[in-house]
Amino acid sequence: MRRLPALLAAALAVALAAPGTAADGQAPGPPRVERIGRSVQGRPISVVHVGDPAAPRKVLVVGMIHGDEPEGRKVIDLLRTATAPPGAELLLVRDLNPDGLKRHTRQNAHGVDLNRNSSQGRRFLGGPGTPFYAGPKAFSEPETRAIRALILRARPAVTVWYHQPFGLVDRPETGGDAIALAYSRVSGLRFHPLTPRPGSMSRWENVRVRPGSSIVVELPPGRLSAAAAQRHAQAVLALASGAPA
């Protein structure tokens, strides 16, 4: 696996630490928090906008969709204080499943696996109470409806969905591998295709928005170290810059 070129690595390190400049030449304002919905139990679901809102390249990062896979939130925390590359805006959703996080469960408070609740490739995977219950119908859950609305409004050039525990970057089920391979190269996480996931949000987005733009990053099990979180944040910024893709 090729290492990240030294100049790009240095630039990304600066982006994680220094203020940048908006398209009008002014320093960008502080991160802007927008509530995009509420969970089943009423907890807010928000997106944090980092960078120039007029930037044409939107990069969406979802820190957690399964409540028992929370470590991607550490990457979000780093990106929240980063500088978005010129021409890019980061859209950061730290907790898409706050009820599952509170309950330490994969599913939301309705017992639905949110990553089986989209309309793409949806099929019966077991009834209520089973691990991969897809819900009574596609987008039945307030959490998936909230992120669907954001995706259709922003139409991200890149989306990263964090999961655990396989320690790999998955191949998009639709479209090319360039974005996934670039993320793998920068982060150091191996590129390895998983079997198709019926009803997954990434699968839906790659069909609905643009093929190959939405990738799944499976972080390793357990706690994500500060150094690893930094590498993943650099990988997101590299994709936002468009440089390695």
Protein backbone atom coordinates (compact mmCIF):
# COMPACT_ATOMS: atom_id res chain seq x y z
CA MET A 1 0.00 0.00 0.00
CA ARG A 2 1.41 3.39 -0.98
CA ARG A 3 2.06 5.90 1.78
CA LEU A 4 0.52 9.36 1.74
CA PRO A 5 2.92 11.76 -0.04
CA ALA A 6 4.80 13.94 2.44
CA LEU A 7 3.57 17.28 1.06
CA LEU A 8 -0.07 16.19 1.12
CA ALA A 9 0.32 14.76 4.61
CA ALA A 10 1.75 18.06 5.83
CA ALA A 11 -1.07 20.03 4.21
CA LEU A 12 -3.70 17.82 5.81
CA ALA A 13 -2.05 18.13 9.20
CA VAL A 14 -2.28 21.91 8.85
CA ALA A 15 -5.94 21.60 7.84
CA LEU A 16 -6.64 19.81 11.09
CA ALA A 17 -5.06 22.61 13.09
CA ALA A 18 -5.30 25.96 11.30
CA PRO A 19 -8.07 28.33 10.16
CA GLY A 20 -8.69 28.57 6.43
CA THR A 21 -10.19 30.99 3.94
CA ALA A 22 -13.64 31.06 2.36
CA ALA A 23 -14.35 31.69 -1.32
CA ASP A 24 -14.75 35.42 -0.70
CA GLY A 25 -11.27 35.65 0.85
CA GLN A 26 -12.57 35.94 4.39
CA ALA A 27 -11.91 33.50 7.20
CA PRO A 28 -14.81 31.04 7.45
CA GLY A 29 -17.16 31.42 10.37
CA PRO A 30 -17.45 28.92 13.21
CA PRO A 31 -19.07 25.55 12.55
CA ARG A 32 -22.80 25.89 11.99
CA VAL A 33 -25.13 23.41 13.65
CA GLU A 34 -28.37 22.51 11.87
CA ARG A 35 -30.94 20.16 13.31
CA ILE A 36 -32.13 17.78 10.59
CA GLY A 37 -34.53 15.67 12.64
CA ARG A 38 -35.24 13.79 15.84
CA SER A 39 -34.90 10.16 16.83
CA VAL A 40 -37.78 7.89 17.80
CA GLN A 41 -37.36 8.99 21.42
CA GLY A 42 -37.06 12.66 20.50
CA ARG A 43 -33.30 13.13 20.69
CA PRO A 44 -32.00 15.73 18.20
CA ILE A 45 -30.09 14.66 15.09
CA SER A 46 -27.85 17.43 13.80
CA VAL A 47 -25.40 18.15 11.02
CA VAL A 48 -22.42 20.42 11.62
CA HIS A 49 -21.36 22.48 8.60
CA VAL A 50 -17.62 23.18 8.42
CA GLY A 51 -16.27 25.44 5.69
CA ASP A 52 -17.75 27.70 3.06
CA PRO A 53 -21.50 27.07 2.62
CA ALA A 54 -21.16 28.21 -1.02
CA ALA A 55 -18.49 25.58 -1.75
CA PRO A 56 -19.54 23.29 -4.61
CA ARG A 57 -18.02 20.10 -3.15
CA LYS A 58 -20.00 18.71 -0.22
CA VAL A 59 -18.50 15.91 1.85
CA LEU A 60 -20.84 14.12 4.25
CA VAL A 61 -19.43 12.07 7.14
CA VAL A 62 -21.67 9.95 9.37
CA GLY A 63 -19.94 8.96 12.59
CA MET A 64 -22.44 6.39 13.79
CA ILE A 65 -25.51 4.63 12.40
CA HIS A 66 -25.40 1.58 14.70
CA GLY A 67 -25.53 2.46 18.39
CA ASP A 68 -22.99 -0.18 19.38
CA GLU A 69 -20.41 1.02 16.81
CA PRO A 70 -19.55 4.48 18.18
CA GLU A 71 -15.87 5.05 17.43
CA GLY A 72 -16.38 6.99 14.19
CA ARG A 73 -17.62 9.83 16.36
CA LYS A 74 -13.98 10.49 17.31
CA VAL A 75 -13.21 11.27 13.67
CA ILE A 76 -16.16 13.67 13.58
CA ASP A 77 -14.86 15.45 16.67
CA LEU A 78 -11.52 16.09 14.95
CA LEU A 79 -13.14 17.24 11.72
CA ARG A 80 -15.37 19.67 13.56
CA THR A 81 -12.31 21.78 14.39
CA ALA A 82 -10.57 21.23 11.02
CA THR A 83 -10.30 23.56 8.06
CA ALA A 84 -12.24 22.40 5.04
CA PRO A 85 -10.16 22.43 1.83
CA PRO A 86 -10.88 25.25 -0.64
CA GLY A 87 -14.03 24.54 -2.60
CA ALA A 88 -15.33 22.01 -0.08
CA GLU A 89 -17.78 22.02 2.81
CA LEU A 90 -17.86 19.25 5.40
CA LEU A 91 -21.25 18.01 6.59
CA LEU A 92 -20.74 16.14 9.85
CA VAL A 93 -23.42 13.93 11.41
CA ARG A 94 -21.95 12.63 14.65
CA ASP A 95 -24.89 10.55 15.91
CA LEU A 96 -27.50 9.30 13.45
CA ASN A 97 -28.78 6.78 16.01
CA PRO A 98 -28.71 8.55 19.40
CA ASP A 99 -31.31 6.20 20.90
CA GLY A 100 -29.23 3.15 19.97
CA LEU A 101 -26.15 4.82 21.45
CA LYS A 102 -27.99 5.41 24.72
CA ARG A 103 -29.24 1.80 24.75
CA HIS A 104 -25.94 0.31 23.46
CA THR A 105 -27.84 -1.43 20.68
CA ARG A 106 -27.31 -1.78 16.95
CA GLN A 107 -30.93 -0.86 16.30
CA ASN A 108 -32.91 2.29 17.03
CA ALA A 109 -35.63 2.51 19.69
CA HIS A 110 -38.09 0.73 17.37
CA GLY A 111 -35.68 -2.20 17.11
CA VAL A 112 -34.95 -1.38 13.44
CA ASP A 113 -31.51 -1.73 11.89
CA LEU A 114 -31.21 1.69 10.24
CA ASN A 115 -28.70 0.35 7.75
CA ARG A 116 -31.28 -2.07 6.38
CA ASN A 117 -34.10 0.50 6.23
CA SER A 118 -33.47 2.06 2.80
CA SER A 119 -35.38 1.12 -0.33
CA GLN A 120 -32.34 -0.17 -2.27
CA GLY A 121 -32.10 -3.95 -2.37
CA ARG A 122 -34.51 -4.15 0.55
CA ARG A 123 -35.74 -7.61 1.54
CA PHE A 124 -37.01 -9.49 4.57
CA LEU A 125 -34.18 -10.25 6.99
CA GLY A 126 -36.21 -11.22 10.05
CA GLY A 127 -39.06 -9.80 12.05
CA PRO A 128 -39.11 -7.47 15.05
CA GLY A 129 -36.59 -8.50 17.68
CA THR A 130 -34.12 -9.95 15.18
CA PRO A 131 -30.70 -8.28 14.67
CA PHE A 132 -31.27 -7.06 11.10
CA TYR A 133 -34.96 -6.19 11.25
CA ALA A 134 -35.44 -3.77 8.32
CA GLY A 135 -38.60 -2.13 9.64
CA PRO A 136 -42.20 -2.28 8.38
CA LYS A 137 -41.34 -0.38 5.17
CA ALA A 138 -38.48 1.50 3.52
CA PHE A 139 -37.54 4.70 5.35
CA SER A 140 -40.05 3.97 8.09
CA GLU A 141 -37.74 5.49 10.71
CA PRO A 142 -37.30 9.19 11.53
CA GLU A 143 -33.52 8.78 11.57
CA THR A 144 -33.28 7.43 8.03
CA ARG A 145 -35.78 9.97 6.74
CA ALA A 146 -33.65 12.76 8.25
CA ILE A 147 -30.43 11.63 6.59
CA ARG A 148 -32.22 10.89 3.31
CA ALA A 149 -33.51 14.49 3.20
CA LEU A 150 -30.03 15.87 3.89
CA ILE A 151 -28.45 13.71 1.18
CA LEU A 152 -31.03 14.66 -1.42
CA ARG A 153 -30.64 18.34 -0.57
CA ALA A 154 -26.82 18.42 -0.46
CA ARG A 155 -26.09 15.70 -3.05
CA PRO A 156 -22.62 15.05 -1.59
CA ALA A 157 -19.66 14.43 -3.86
CA VAL A 158 -18.36 12.05 -1.18
CA THR A 159 -20.01 10.35 1.78
CA VAL A 160 -18.24 8.29 4.44
CA TRP A 161 -20.27 6.00 6.72
CA TYR A 162 -18.38 4.70 9.77
CA HIS A 163 -19.04 1.23 11.12
CA GLN A 164 -17.24 -1.40 13.17
CA PRO A 165 -15.65 -3.92 13.68
CA PHE A 166 -14.09 -5.40 10.50
CA GLY A 167 -11.18 -3.00 10.02
CA LEU A 168 -11.50 -2.35 6.27
CA VAL A 169 -12.75 -0.05 3.54
CA ASP A 170 -15.58 -1.67 1.62
CA ARG A 171 -16.06 -1.54 -2.14
CA PRO A 172 -19.15 0.44 -3.22
CA GLU A 173 -21.85 -1.88 -4.52
CA THR A 174 -22.48 0.52 -7.42
CA GLY A 175 -19.88 2.61 -9.23
CA GLY A 176 -16.10 2.72 -9.28
CA ASP A 177 -13.57 2.08 -6.52
CA ALA A 178 -11.54 5.31 -6.77
CA ILE A 179 -12.90 7.03 -3.65
CA ALA A 180 -12.74 3.87 -1.52
CA LEU A 181 -9.20 3.11 -2.70
CA ALA A 182 -8.08 6.68 -1.99
CA TYR A 183 -9.49 6.49 1.53
CA SER A 184 -7.75 3.15 2.07
CA ARG A 185 -4.43 4.54 0.86
CA VAL A 186 -4.51 7.60 3.11
CA SER A 187 -5.93 5.94 6.23
CA GLY A 188 -3.85 2.75 6.01
CA LEU A 189 -6.99 0.62 6.37
CA ARG A 190 -7.11 -2.31 3.97
CA PHE A 191 -9.47 -2.29 0.99
CA HIS A 192 -11.61 -5.42 1.04
CA PRO A 193 -15.09 -5.92 -0.46
CA LEU A 194 -17.87 -7.15 1.82
CA THR A 195 -20.94 -9.03 0.71
CA PRO A 196 -23.86 -6.81 -0.39
CA ARG A 197 -25.95 -5.34 2.44
CA PRO A 198 -29.68 -5.29 1.55
CA GLY A 199 -31.27 -1.93 2.28
CA SER A 200 -28.05 -0.21 3.30
CA MET A 201 -27.93 3.57 3.22
CA SER A 202 -24.66 3.63 1.28
CA ARG A 203 -26.11 1.30 -1.35
CA TRP A 204 -29.16 3.56 -1.70
CA GLU A 205 -27.05 6.71 -1.98
CA ASN A 206 -24.80 5.25 -4.67
CA VAL A 207 -27.87 4.56 -6.79
CA ARG A 208 -29.84 7.69 -5.93
CA VAL A 209 -27.08 10.35 -6.00
CA ARG A 210 -23.91 9.25 -7.83
CA PRO A 211 -22.33 5.80 -8.19
CA GLY A 212 -19.21 5.12 -6.17
CA SER A 213 -19.43 8.31 -4.10
CA SER A 214 -20.69 6.74 -0.87
CA ILE A 215 -18.31 4.43 0.97
CA VAL A 216 -18.42 2.29 4.09
CA VAL A 217 -15.42 2.41 6.43
CA GLU A 218 -15.35 -0.41 8.96
CA LEU A 219 -13.16 0.65 11.86
CA PRO A 220 -11.48 -2.06 13.96
CA PRO A 221 -13.15 -3.38 17.12
CA GLY A 222 -12.68 -1.63 20.42
CA ARG A 223 -11.53 1.91 21.02
CA LEU A 224 -10.06 3.98 18.22
CA SER A 225 -6.73 5.49 19.25
CA ALA A 226 -6.06 9.21 18.89
CA ALA A 227 -3.44 8.51 16.21
CA ALA A 228 -5.85 6.33 14.23
CA ALA A 229 -8.62 8.92 14.49
CA GLN A 230 -6.17 11.50 13.13
CA ARG A 231 -5.36 9.29 10.13
CA HIS A 232 -9.05 8.85 9.35
CA ALA A 233 -9.66 12.58 9.63
CA GLN A 234 -6.79 13.15 7.20
CA ALA A 235 -8.35 10.63 4.82
CA VAL A 236 -11.64 12.55 4.85
CA LEU A 237 -9.83 15.84 4.20
CA ALA A 238 -7.88 14.24 1.35
CA LEU A 239 -11.15 13.19 -0.27
CA ALA A 240 -12.61 16.63 0.36
CA SER A 241 -9.63 18.20 -1.44
CA GLY A 242 -10.06 15.80 -4.37
CA ALA A 243 -6.27 15.29 -4.44
CA PRO A 244 -5.87 11.50 -4.07
CA ALA A 245 -9.00 10.35 -5.90
